[in-house]
Amino acid sequence: MKGLLIVNGYMRTPKFEEITQLYKEAAGSYGVNLQVCYTDEIAYGMDDRGKLWVNVNVEEIGFVLFLDKDIVLAQHLETLGLRVFNTSAAIGVCDHKGMTMQALGGANIAMPKTIIAPLVFEGMYDEKQEDRYIRHIEEELSYPLIVKECYGSFGMQVYKIEDTEALVELRSRIAHKPHLYQAYVASSEGKDVRIHVVGDKVVASMLRVNEHDFRANITNGGKMIAYSPSKAFEEMAVKVCKVLKVDFAGVDLMFGEAGEPLLCEVNSNAHIKNILDLTGINIAEKIMAYILKEVTK
């Protein structure tokens, strides 16, 4: 069988190349020829009669492992009849933090109280109108509070806001970007649990702890600790994946006041090298085994 591994062509860093190699080796161990295709090598669109095309021979491809967030490309490949893991819909809902929370609303999944910011067109922000919206936020949430840009990775677009002045200043910079506001969870300051789920099964997990930052992300200085989550944490992670209809994901959960799990966010393309270094568990192998099972049903 031949598979296609889609990787962002503009992020060819040693870290991402190492992850790509892990997937290639995992596929090879199952006798699968996994062809790496960088997004800057792909041309696709419609011809002059409106027929979809792509400069890849789709007839040879049994599946696509999509390790990017270009949902337009993922949708294009799906329309051409290819089976894409994760689906474009799953990638889209996980990539937008507001859509993630909204999709899980009503599913009885505990999470911090959340306010999704309204649409503001770039160049149309008016600070004179902000008193009204700032008042809405302060009526629903107390300080400190958390602000997250909806598109962001490694915790780099997440902010802890202590007062009105800081909130006004931040909104003046990001009002035109999709973002949300959340209640601050003091009981999970600088720590969370990353749970990897593949095919609705927990396959690996770790505790992330940062003594110098409210964000637990490894990129921000957090440390990885071997960790066996409770049944409640595992059940929430699996439920989240079922509701979002993801094939695999890294689910980040926080600790509530009584130690109960609270949803933080969901990563449809979670990095797999850190968990491999910590636990020896190769998520790439788990994902390849799952994909082969699905495409050979």
C-alpha atoms as a PDB file:
ATOM      1  CA  MET A   1       0.000   0.000   0.000  1.00  0.00           C
ATOM      2  CA  LYS A   2       1.076   3.550  -0.713  1.00  0.00           C
ATOM      3  CA  GLY A   3       0.211   6.458   1.537  1.00  0.00           C
ATOM      4  CA  LEU A   4       0.740  10.204   1.300  1.00  0.00           C
ATOM      5  CA  LEU A   5       2.181  12.163   4.220  1.00  0.00           C
ATOM      6  CA  ILE A   6       1.301  15.859   3.935  1.00  0.00           C
ATOM      7  CA  VAL A   7       3.722  18.160   5.763  1.00  0.00           C
ATOM      8  CA  ASN A   8       3.902  21.964   5.790  1.00  0.00           C
ATOM      9  CA  GLY A   9       6.605  22.956   3.330  1.00  0.00           C
ATOM     10  CA  TYR A  10       7.401  26.172   5.166  1.00  0.00           C
ATOM     11  CA  MET A  11       8.307  24.518   8.470  1.00  0.00           C
ATOM     12  CA  ARG A  12      11.198  22.277   7.481  1.00  0.00           C
ATOM     13  CA  THR A  13      12.941  22.554  10.834  1.00  0.00           C
ATOM     14  CA  PRO A  14      15.009  19.695  12.309  1.00  0.00           C
ATOM     15  CA  LYS A  15      12.235  19.067  14.875  1.00  0.00           C
ATOM     16  CA  PHE A  16       9.534  18.637  12.241  1.00  0.00           C
ATOM     17  CA  GLU A  17      11.820  16.620   9.952  1.00  0.00           C
ATOM     18  CA  GLU A  18      12.484  14.232  12.848  1.00  0.00           C
ATOM     19  CA  ILE A  19       8.748  13.741  13.347  1.00  0.00           C
ATOM     20  CA  THR A  20       8.289  13.125   9.624  1.00  0.00           C
ATOM     21  CA  GLN A  21      10.966  10.446   9.772  1.00  0.00           C
ATOM     22  CA  LEU A  22       9.222   8.737  12.691  1.00  0.00           C
ATOM     23  CA  TYR A  23       6.073   8.383  10.607  1.00  0.00           C
ATOM     24  CA  LYS A  24       8.005   7.106   7.574  1.00  0.00           C
ATOM     25  CA  GLU A  25       9.761   4.479   9.677  1.00  0.00           C
ATOM     26  CA  ALA A  26       6.518   3.439  11.342  1.00  0.00           C
ATOM     27  CA  ALA A  27       4.836   3.027   7.964  1.00  0.00           C
ATOM     28  CA  GLY A  28       7.787   1.025   6.665  1.00  0.00           C
ATOM     29  CA  SER A  29       7.514  -1.375   9.596  1.00  0.00           C
ATOM     30  CA  TYR A  30       4.001  -2.201   8.344  1.00  0.00           C
ATOM     31  CA  GLY A  31       5.134  -2.549   4.728  1.00  0.00           C
ATOM     32  CA  VAL A  32       3.600   0.771   3.700  1.00  0.00           C
ATOM     33  CA  ASN A  33       5.332   3.119   1.278  1.00  0.00           C
ATOM     34  CA  LEU A  34       4.629   6.493   2.847  1.00  0.00           C
ATOM     35  CA  GLN A  35       5.500   9.263   0.402  1.00  0.00           C
ATOM     36  CA  VAL A  36       6.332  12.613   2.025  1.00  0.00           C
ATOM     37  CA  CYS A  37       4.757  15.514   0.160  1.00  0.00           C
ATOM     38  CA  TYR A  38       5.465  19.071   1.318  1.00  0.00           C
ATOM     39  CA  THR A  39       2.729  21.626   0.780  1.00  0.00           C
ATOM     40  CA  ASP A  40       5.001  23.868  -1.306  1.00  0.00           C
ATOM     41  CA  GLU A  41       5.390  20.950  -3.730  1.00  0.00           C
ATOM     42  CA  ILE A  42       1.642  20.572  -4.241  1.00  0.00           C
ATOM     43  CA  ALA A  43      -0.305  22.461  -6.874  1.00  0.00           C
ATOM     44  CA  TYR A  44      -4.058  22.045  -6.911  1.00  0.00           C
ATOM     45  CA  GLY A  45      -7.184  23.809  -8.019  1.00  0.00           C
ATOM     46  CA  MET A  46      -9.796  23.697 -10.789  1.00  0.00           C
ATOM     47  CA  ASP A  47      -9.334  23.611 -14.535  1.00  0.00           C
ATOM     48  CA  ASP A  48     -11.167  25.853 -17.011  1.00  0.00           C
ATOM     49  CA  ARG A  49     -14.184  23.540 -16.858  1.00  0.00           C
ATOM     50  CA  GLY A  50     -14.300  23.534 -13.075  1.00  0.00           C
ATOM     51  CA  LYS A  51     -12.854  20.035 -12.649  1.00  0.00           C
ATOM     52  CA  LEU A  52     -10.736  19.555  -9.539  1.00  0.00           C
ATOM     53  CA  TRP A  53      -7.108  18.603 -10.082  1.00  0.00           C
ATOM     54  CA  VAL A  54      -3.907  18.085  -8.108  1.00  0.00           C
ATOM     55  CA  ASN A  55      -0.369  17.312  -9.270  1.00  0.00           C
ATOM     56  CA  VAL A  56      -0.359  14.026  -7.348  1.00  0.00           C
ATOM     57  CA  ASN A  57      -1.443  10.700  -8.809  1.00  0.00           C
ATOM     58  CA  VAL A  58      -4.384  10.040  -6.496  1.00  0.00           C
ATOM     59  CA  GLU A  59      -5.050   6.668  -8.130  1.00  0.00           C
ATOM     60  CA  GLU A  60      -1.925   5.294  -6.448  1.00  0.00           C
ATOM     61  CA  ILE A  61      -2.730   6.617  -2.971  1.00  0.00           C
ATOM     62  CA  GLY A  62      -4.511   4.444  -0.426  1.00  0.00           C
ATOM     63  CA  PHE A  63      -4.733   7.112   2.281  1.00  0.00           C
ATOM     64  CA  VAL A  64      -3.449  10.517   3.348  1.00  0.00           C
ATOM     65  CA  LEU A  65      -1.854  11.208   6.728  1.00  0.00           C
ATOM     66  CA  PHE A  66      -2.342  14.962   7.020  1.00  0.00           C
ATOM     67  CA  LEU A  67       0.144  16.591   9.404  1.00  0.00           C
ATOM     68  CA  ASP A  68      -0.753  20.165   8.515  1.00  0.00           C
ATOM     69  CA  LYS A  69      -3.617  22.574   9.206  1.00  0.00           C
ATOM     70  CA  ASP A  70      -4.380  23.579   5.609  1.00  0.00           C
ATOM     71  CA  ILE A  71      -8.004  22.461   5.671  1.00  0.00           C
ATOM     72  CA  VAL A  72      -8.649  23.728   2.121  1.00  0.00           C
ATOM     73  CA  LEU A  73      -6.029  21.298   0.813  1.00  0.00           C
ATOM     74  CA  ALA A  74      -7.388  18.515   3.017  1.00  0.00           C
ATOM     75  CA  GLN A  75     -10.914  19.157   1.712  1.00  0.00           C
ATOM     76  CA  HIS A  76      -9.622  19.138  -1.862  1.00  0.00           C
ATOM     77  CA  LEU A  77      -8.025  15.711  -1.396  1.00  0.00           C
ATOM     78  CA  GLU A  78     -11.184  14.378   0.235  1.00  0.00           C
ATOM     79  CA  THR A  79     -13.298  15.636  -2.671  1.00  0.00           C
ATOM     80  CA  LEU A  80     -10.971  13.759  -5.034  1.00  0.00           C
ATOM     81  CA  GLY A  81     -11.894  10.590  -3.129  1.00  0.00           C
ATOM     82  CA  LEU A  82      -8.929  10.150  -0.808  1.00  0.00           C
ATOM     83  CA  ARG A  83      -9.302   9.032   2.816  1.00  0.00           C
ATOM     84  CA  VAL A  84      -7.660  11.714   4.948  1.00  0.00           C
ATOM     85  CA  PHE A  85      -6.528  11.240   8.563  1.00  0.00           C
ATOM     86  CA  ASN A  86      -7.539  13.428  10.406  1.00  0.00           C
ATOM     87  CA  THR A  87     -10.419  14.652   8.301  1.00  0.00           C
ATOM     88  CA  SER A  88     -10.533  18.278   7.198  1.00  0.00           C
ATOM     89  CA  ALA A  89     -13.543  18.809   9.474  1.00  0.00           C
ATOM     90  CA  ALA A  90     -11.711  17.427  12.507  1.00  0.00           C
ATOM     91  CA  ILE A  91      -8.594  19.492  11.799  1.00  0.00           C
ATOM     92  CA  GLY A  92     -10.697  22.614  11.347  1.00  0.00           C
ATOM     93  CA  VAL A  93     -12.630  22.314  14.593  1.00  0.00           C
ATOM     94  CA  CYS A  94      -9.489  21.516  16.616  1.00  0.00           C
ATOM     95  CA  ASP A  95      -7.396  24.283  15.054  1.00  0.00           C
ATOM     96  CA  HIS A  96      -9.846  27.029  16.083  1.00  0.00           C
ATOM     97  CA  LYS A  97      -9.990  27.062  19.885  1.00  0.00           C
ATOM     98  CA  GLY A  98     -13.356  28.823  19.921  1.00  0.00           C
ATOM     99  CA  MET A  99     -14.872  26.242  17.586  1.00  0.00           C
ATOM    100  CA  THR A 100     -13.410  23.460  19.742  1.00  0.00           C
ATOM    101  CA  MET A 101     -15.132  24.758  22.862  1.00  0.00           C
ATOM    102  CA  GLN A 102     -18.354  25.446  20.981  1.00  0.00           C
ATOM    103  CA  ALA A 103     -18.414  21.950  19.448  1.00  0.00           C
ATOM    104  CA  LEU A 104     -18.004  20.415  22.906  1.00  0.00           C
ATOM    105  CA  GLY A 105     -20.640  22.627  24.478  1.00  0.00           C
ATOM    106  CA  GLY A 106     -23.621  20.615  25.671  1.00  0.00           C
ATOM    107  CA  ALA A 107     -21.604  17.381  25.767  1.00  0.00           C
ATOM    108  CA  ASN A 108     -21.232  17.489  29.566  1.00  0.00           C
ATOM    109  CA  ILE A 109     -17.490  18.130  29.366  1.00  0.00           C
ATOM    110  CA  ALA A 110     -16.185  20.367  32.151  1.00  0.00           C
ATOM    111  CA  MET A 111     -14.230  23.406  30.957  1.00  0.00           C
ATOM    112  CA  PRO A 112     -13.446  26.943  32.153  1.00  0.00           C
ATOM    113  CA  LYS A 113     -16.194  29.478  31.550  1.00  0.00           C
ATOM    114  CA  THR A 114     -15.549  30.824  28.052  1.00  0.00           C
ATOM    115  CA  ILE A 115     -16.486  33.936  26.081  1.00  0.00           C
ATOM    116  CA  ILE A 116     -15.852  33.850  22.316  1.00  0.00           C
ATOM    117  CA  ALA A 117     -14.853  37.286  21.037  1.00  0.00           C
ATOM    118  CA  PRO A 118     -16.988  38.955  18.343  1.00  0.00           C
ATOM    119  CA  LEU A 119     -15.758  39.456  14.789  1.00  0.00           C
ATOM    120  CA  VAL A 120     -13.857  42.710  14.297  1.00  0.00           C
ATOM    121  CA  PHE A 121     -12.646  43.530  10.805  1.00  0.00           C
ATOM    122  CA  GLU A 122      -9.043  44.690  10.622  1.00  0.00           C
ATOM    123  CA  GLY A 123      -8.833  48.472  10.658  1.00  0.00           C
ATOM    124  CA  MET A 124     -12.352  48.838  12.117  1.00  0.00           C
ATOM    125  CA  TYR A 125     -11.442  48.618  15.813  1.00  0.00           C
ATOM    126  CA  ASP A 126     -12.586  51.678  17.745  1.00  0.00           C
ATOM    127  CA  GLU A 127     -11.285  52.056  21.300  1.00  0.00           C
ATOM    128  CA  LYS A 128     -14.149  54.443  22.090  1.00  0.00           C
ATOM    129  CA  GLN A 129     -16.612  51.566  21.718  1.00  0.00           C
ATOM    130  CA  GLU A 130     -14.626  49.222  23.934  1.00  0.00           C
ATOM    131  CA  ASP A 131     -16.108  50.189  27.290  1.00  0.00           C
ATOM    132  CA  ARG A 132     -19.261  48.249  26.475  1.00  0.00           C
ATOM    133  CA  TYR A 133     -17.514  45.016  25.470  1.00  0.00           C
ATOM    134  CA  ILE A 134     -14.932  45.174  28.257  1.00  0.00           C
ATOM    135  CA  ARG A 135     -17.864  45.510  30.659  1.00  0.00           C
ATOM    136  CA  HIS A 136     -19.409  42.313  29.245  1.00  0.00           C
ATOM    137  CA  ILE A 137     -16.186  40.413  29.906  1.00  0.00           C
ATOM    138  CA  GLU A 138     -15.797  41.772  33.424  1.00  0.00           C
ATOM    139  CA  GLU A 139     -19.417  40.944  34.272  1.00  0.00           C
ATOM    140  CA  GLU A 140     -18.836  37.294  33.339  1.00  0.00           C
ATOM    141  CA  LEU A 141     -15.219  36.730  34.404  1.00  0.00           C
ATOM    142  CA  SER A 142     -13.038  37.964  37.256  1.00  0.00           C
ATOM    143  CA  TYR A 143      -9.344  38.851  37.200  1.00  0.00           C
ATOM    144  CA  PRO A 144      -6.992  37.298  36.519  1.00  0.00           C
ATOM    145  CA  LEU A 145      -8.443  35.864  33.324  1.00  0.00           C
ATOM    146  CA  ILE A 146      -7.005  34.047  30.331  1.00  0.00           C
ATOM    147  CA  VAL A 147      -7.089  35.270  26.740  1.00  0.00           C
ATOM    148  CA  LYS A 148      -6.320  32.860  23.897  1.00  0.00           C
ATOM    149  CA  GLU A 149      -5.967  33.588  20.231  1.00  0.00           C
ATOM    150  CA  CYS A 150      -7.991  30.909  18.464  1.00  0.00           C
ATOM    151  CA  TYR A 151      -5.147  30.072  16.104  1.00  0.00           C
ATOM    152  CA  GLY A 152      -1.942  29.397  17.974  1.00  0.00           C
ATOM    153  CA  SER A 153       0.528  26.716  19.027  1.00  0.00           C
ATOM    154  CA  PHE A 154       2.984  26.025  21.840  1.00  0.00           C
ATOM    155  CA  GLY A 155       1.144  28.419  24.177  1.00  0.00           C
ATOM    156  CA  MET A 156       2.648  31.415  22.389  1.00  0.00           C
ATOM    157  CA  GLN A 157      -0.693  33.189  21.830  1.00  0.00           C
ATOM    158  CA  VAL A 158      -2.061  32.689  25.353  1.00  0.00           C
ATOM    159  CA  TYR A 159      -2.129  35.590  27.820  1.00  0.00           C
ATOM    160  CA  LYS A 160      -2.828  35.979  31.537  1.00  0.00           C
ATOM    161  CA  ILE A 161      -4.570  39.302  32.172  1.00  0.00           C
ATOM    162  CA  GLU A 162      -4.543  40.865  35.625  1.00  0.00           C
ATOM    163  CA  ASP A 163      -6.677  44.012  35.297  1.00  0.00           C
ATOM    164  CA  THR A 164      -8.791  46.259  33.068  1.00  0.00           C
ATOM    165  CA  GLU A 165      -5.837  48.256  31.813  1.00  0.00           C
ATOM    166  CA  ALA A 166      -4.073  45.126  30.571  1.00  0.00           C
ATOM    167  CA  LEU A 167      -7.273  43.834  28.982  1.00  0.00           C
ATOM    168  CA  VAL A 168      -7.868  47.075  27.092  1.00  0.00           C
ATOM    169  CA  GLU A 169      -4.276  47.105  25.870  1.00  0.00           C
ATOM    170  CA  LEU A 170      -4.422  43.507  24.652  1.00  0.00           C
ATOM    171  CA  ARG A 171      -7.723  44.025  22.836  1.00  0.00           C
ATOM    172  CA  SER A 172      -6.222  47.003  21.020  1.00  0.00           C
ATOM    173  CA  ARG A 173      -3.665  44.580  19.556  1.00  0.00           C
ATOM    174  CA  ILE A 174      -5.696  41.434  18.852  1.00  0.00           C
ATOM    175  CA  ALA A 175      -9.328  42.556  18.499  1.00  0.00           C
ATOM    176  CA  HIS A 176      -9.271  41.754  14.760  1.00  0.00           C
ATOM    177  CA  LYS A 177      -7.951  38.222  15.392  1.00  0.00           C
ATOM    178  CA  PRO A 178     -10.245  35.341  16.406  1.00  0.00           C
ATOM    179  CA  HIS A 179      -9.798  34.892  20.158  1.00  0.00           C
ATOM    180  CA  LEU A 180     -11.583  33.986  23.367  1.00  0.00           C
ATOM    181  CA  TYR A 181     -11.651  34.788  27.075  1.00  0.00           C
ATOM    182  CA  GLN A 182     -11.668  32.168  29.824  1.00  0.00           C
ATOM    183  CA  ALA A 183     -11.847  31.928  33.577  1.00  0.00           C
ATOM    184  CA  TYR A 184      -8.426  31.472  35.128  1.00  0.00           C
ATOM    185  CA  VAL A 185      -7.949  28.048  36.757  1.00  0.00           C
ATOM    186  CA  ALA A 186      -5.624  28.722  39.700  1.00  0.00           C
ATOM    187  CA  SER A 187      -5.573  25.046  40.701  1.00  0.00           C
ATOM    188  CA  SER A 188      -3.840  24.194  37.412  1.00  0.00           C
ATOM    189  CA  GLU A 189      -1.321  27.042  37.352  1.00  0.00           C
ATOM    190  CA  GLY A 190       1.658  25.852  35.312  1.00  0.00           C
ATOM    191  CA  LYS A 191       0.534  22.246  34.990  1.00  0.00           C
ATOM    192  CA  ASP A 192      -1.657  20.078  32.802  1.00  0.00           C
ATOM    193  CA  VAL A 193      -1.942  16.564  31.421  1.00  0.00           C
ATOM    194  CA  ARG A 194      -1.351  15.687  27.763  1.00  0.00           C
ATOM    195  CA  ILE A 195      -3.234  12.524  26.792  1.00  0.00           C
ATOM    196  CA  HIS A 196      -2.702  10.959  23.376  1.00  0.00           C
ATOM    197  CA  VAL A 197      -5.759   9.207  21.995  1.00  0.00           C
ATOM    198  CA  VAL A 198      -5.748   7.031  18.868  1.00  0.00           C
ATOM    199  CA  GLY A 199      -8.916   5.356  17.616  1.00  0.00           C
ATOM    200  CA  ASP A 200     -10.801   6.292  20.801  1.00  0.00           C
ATOM    201  CA  LYS A 201      -8.177   4.619  22.985  1.00  0.00           C
ATOM    202  CA  VAL A 202      -5.659   6.255  25.323  1.00  0.00           C
ATOM    203  CA  VAL A 203      -2.189   5.207  24.158  1.00  0.00           C
ATOM    204  CA  ALA A 204       0.138   7.502  26.148  1.00  0.00           C
ATOM    205  CA  SER A 205       0.121  10.408  28.573  1.00  0.00           C
ATOM    206  CA  MET A 206       2.363  12.757  30.482  1.00  0.00           C
ATOM    207  CA  LEU A 207       2.199  15.467  33.112  1.00  0.00           C
ATOM    208  CA  ARG A 208       3.605  18.839  32.103  1.00  0.00           C
ATOM    209  CA  VAL A 209       4.796  21.170  34.852  1.00  0.00           C
ATOM    210  CA  ASN A 210       6.230  24.668  34.581  1.00  0.00           C
ATOM    211  CA  GLU A 211       7.425  26.358  37.771  1.00  0.00           C
ATOM    212  CA  HIS A 212       8.091  29.695  36.039  1.00  0.00           C
ATOM    213  CA  ASP A 213       5.076  30.237  33.777  1.00  0.00           C
ATOM    214  CA  PHE A 214       1.308  29.810  34.040  1.00  0.00           C
ATOM    215  CA  ARG A 215       1.490  27.813  30.784  1.00  0.00           C
ATOM    216  CA  ALA A 216       2.647  24.225  31.054  1.00  0.00           C
ATOM    217  CA  ASN A 217       3.908  23.912  27.476  1.00  0.00           C
ATOM    218  CA  ILE A 218       7.337  22.337  27.058  1.00  0.00           C
ATOM    219  CA  THR A 219       8.271  25.108  24.594  1.00  0.00           C
ATOM    220  CA  ASN A 220       7.779  27.662  27.396  1.00  0.00           C
ATOM    221  CA  GLY A 221      10.080  25.825  29.763  1.00  0.00           C
ATOM    222  CA  GLY A 222       7.753  23.137  31.087  1.00  0.00           C
ATOM    223  CA  LYS A 223       9.067  19.758  32.183  1.00  0.00           C
ATOM    224  CA  MET A 224       7.724  16.347  31.207  1.00  0.00           C
ATOM    225  CA  ILE A 225       6.897  13.871  33.963  1.00  0.00           C
ATOM    226  CA  ALA A 226       5.770  10.266  33.514  1.00  0.00           C
ATOM    227  CA  TYR A 227       2.147  10.119  34.583  1.00  0.00           C
ATOM    228  CA  SER A 228      -0.732   7.662  34.712  1.00  0.00           C
ATOM    229  CA  PRO A 229      -3.987   9.657  34.567  1.00  0.00           C
ATOM    230  CA  SER A 230      -7.034   8.660  36.536  1.00  0.00           C
ATOM    231  CA  LYS A 231     -10.002   6.998  34.901  1.00  0.00           C
ATOM    232  CA  ALA A 232     -11.848  10.329  34.919  1.00  0.00           C
ATOM    233  CA  PHE A 233      -9.078  12.008  32.908  1.00  0.00           C
ATOM    234  CA  GLU A 234      -8.887   9.146  30.407  1.00  0.00           C
ATOM    235  CA  GLU A 235     -12.650   9.016  29.973  1.00  0.00           C
ATOM    236  CA  MET A 236     -12.839  12.757  29.317  1.00  0.00           C
ATOM    237  CA  ALA A 237     -10.022  12.606  26.744  1.00  0.00           C
ATOM    238  CA  VAL A 238     -11.725   9.777  24.863  1.00  0.00           C
ATOM    239  CA  LYS A 239     -15.127  11.470  25.020  1.00  0.00           C
ATOM    240  CA  VAL A 240     -13.672  14.694  23.642  1.00  0.00           C
ATOM    241  CA  CYS A 241     -12.218  12.795  20.683  1.00  0.00           C
ATOM    242  CA  LYS A 242     -15.482  10.994  20.016  1.00  0.00           C
ATOM    243  CA  VAL A 243     -17.495  14.219  20.040  1.00  0.00           C
ATOM    244  CA  LEU A 244     -15.005  15.965  17.743  1.00  0.00           C
ATOM    245  CA  LYS A 245     -14.759  12.854  15.522  1.00  0.00           C
ATOM    246  CA  VAL A 246     -10.978  12.845  15.403  1.00  0.00           C
ATOM    247  CA  ASP A 247      -9.007   9.732  14.478  1.00  0.00           C
ATOM    248  CA  PHE A 248      -6.168  10.745  16.786  1.00  0.00           C
ATOM    249  CA  ALA A 249      -5.353  13.737  18.954  1.00  0.00           C
ATOM    250  CA  GLY A 250      -3.433  15.086  21.897  1.00  0.00           C
ATOM    251  CA  VAL A 251      -5.948  16.225  24.514  1.00  0.00           C
ATOM    252  CA  ASP A 252      -4.744  18.712  27.131  1.00  0.00           C
ATOM    253  CA  LEU A 253      -6.604  18.636  30.436  1.00  0.00           C
ATOM    254  CA  MET A 254      -6.243  20.877  33.489  1.00  0.00           C
ATOM    255  CA  PHE A 255      -6.820  20.167  37.169  1.00  0.00           C
ATOM    256  CA  GLY A 256      -9.952  21.598  38.783  1.00  0.00           C
ATOM    257  CA  GLU A 257     -10.125  22.645  42.448  1.00  0.00           C
ATOM    258  CA  ALA A 258     -10.889  19.079  43.548  1.00  0.00           C
ATOM    259  CA  GLY A 259      -8.407  17.550  41.086  1.00  0.00           C
ATOM    260  CA  GLU A 260     -11.099  16.817  38.517  1.00  0.00           C
ATOM    261  CA  PRO A 261     -10.307  17.145  34.784  1.00  0.00           C
ATOM    262  CA  LEU A 262     -11.111  20.363  32.943  1.00  0.00           C
ATOM    263  CA  LEU A 263     -10.696  20.715  29.204  1.00  0.00           C
ATOM    264  CA  CYS A 264      -7.860  22.966  28.062  1.00  0.00           C
ATOM    265  CA  GLU A 265      -7.551  22.300  24.316  1.00  0.00           C
ATOM    266  CA  VAL A 266      -7.287  19.629  21.641  1.00  0.00           C
ATOM    267  CA  ASN A 267      -4.446  19.144  19.153  1.00  0.00           C
ATOM    268  CA  SER A 268      -5.326  17.223  15.991  1.00  0.00           C
ATOM    269  CA  ASN A 269      -1.628  17.081  15.032  1.00  0.00           C
ATOM    270  CA  ALA A 270       0.005  16.769  18.433  1.00  0.00           C
ATOM    271  CA  HIS A 271       3.781  16.432  18.471  1.00  0.00           C
ATOM    272  CA  ILE A 272       4.953  12.909  19.190  1.00  0.00           C
ATOM    273  CA  LYS A 273       8.687  13.245  19.880  1.00  0.00           C
ATOM    274  CA  ASN A 274       8.433  14.456  23.478  1.00  0.00           C
ATOM    275  CA  ILE A 275       6.147  11.620  24.530  1.00  0.00           C
ATOM    276  CA  LEU A 276       8.460   9.136  22.787  1.00  0.00           C
ATOM    277  CA  ASP A 277      11.488  10.487  24.655  1.00  0.00           C
ATOM    278  CA  LEU A 278       9.649  10.335  27.975  1.00  0.00           C
ATOM    279  CA  THR A 279       7.779   7.038  27.735  1.00  0.00           C
ATOM    280  CA  GLY A 280       9.306   5.121  24.832  1.00  0.00           C
ATOM    281  CA  ILE A 281       5.841   4.906  23.269  1.00  0.00           C
ATOM    282  CA  ASN A 282       5.918   5.616  19.543  1.00  0.00           C
ATOM    283  CA  ILE A 283       2.633   7.323  18.682  1.00  0.00           C
ATOM    284  CA  ALA A 284       3.503   7.112  14.974  1.00  0.00           C
ATOM    285  CA  GLU A 285       3.296   3.322  15.182  1.00  0.00           C
ATOM    286  CA  LYS A 286      -0.069   3.508  16.965  1.00  0.00           C
ATOM    287  CA  ILE A 287      -1.447   5.872  14.335  1.00  0.00           C
ATOM    288  CA  MET A 288      -0.190   3.787  11.405  1.00  0.00           C
ATOM    289  CA  ALA A 289      -1.693   0.619  12.880  1.00  0.00           C
ATOM    290  CA  TYR A 290      -5.021   2.415  13.293  1.00  0.00           C
ATOM    291  CA  ILE A 291      -4.983   3.817   9.743  1.00  0.00           C
ATOM    292  CA  LEU A 292      -4.231   0.431   8.202  1.00  0.00           C
ATOM    293  CA  LYS A 293      -7.058  -1.127  10.181  1.00  0.00           C
ATOM    294  CA  GLU A 294      -9.455   1.552   8.947  1.00  0.00           C
ATOM    295  CA  VAL A 295      -8.511   1.465   5.267  1.00  0.00           C
ATOM    296  CA  THR A 296      -8.552  -2.351   5.062  1.00  0.00           C
ATOM    297  CA  LYS A 297     -11.957  -2.855   6.664  1.00  0.00           C
END
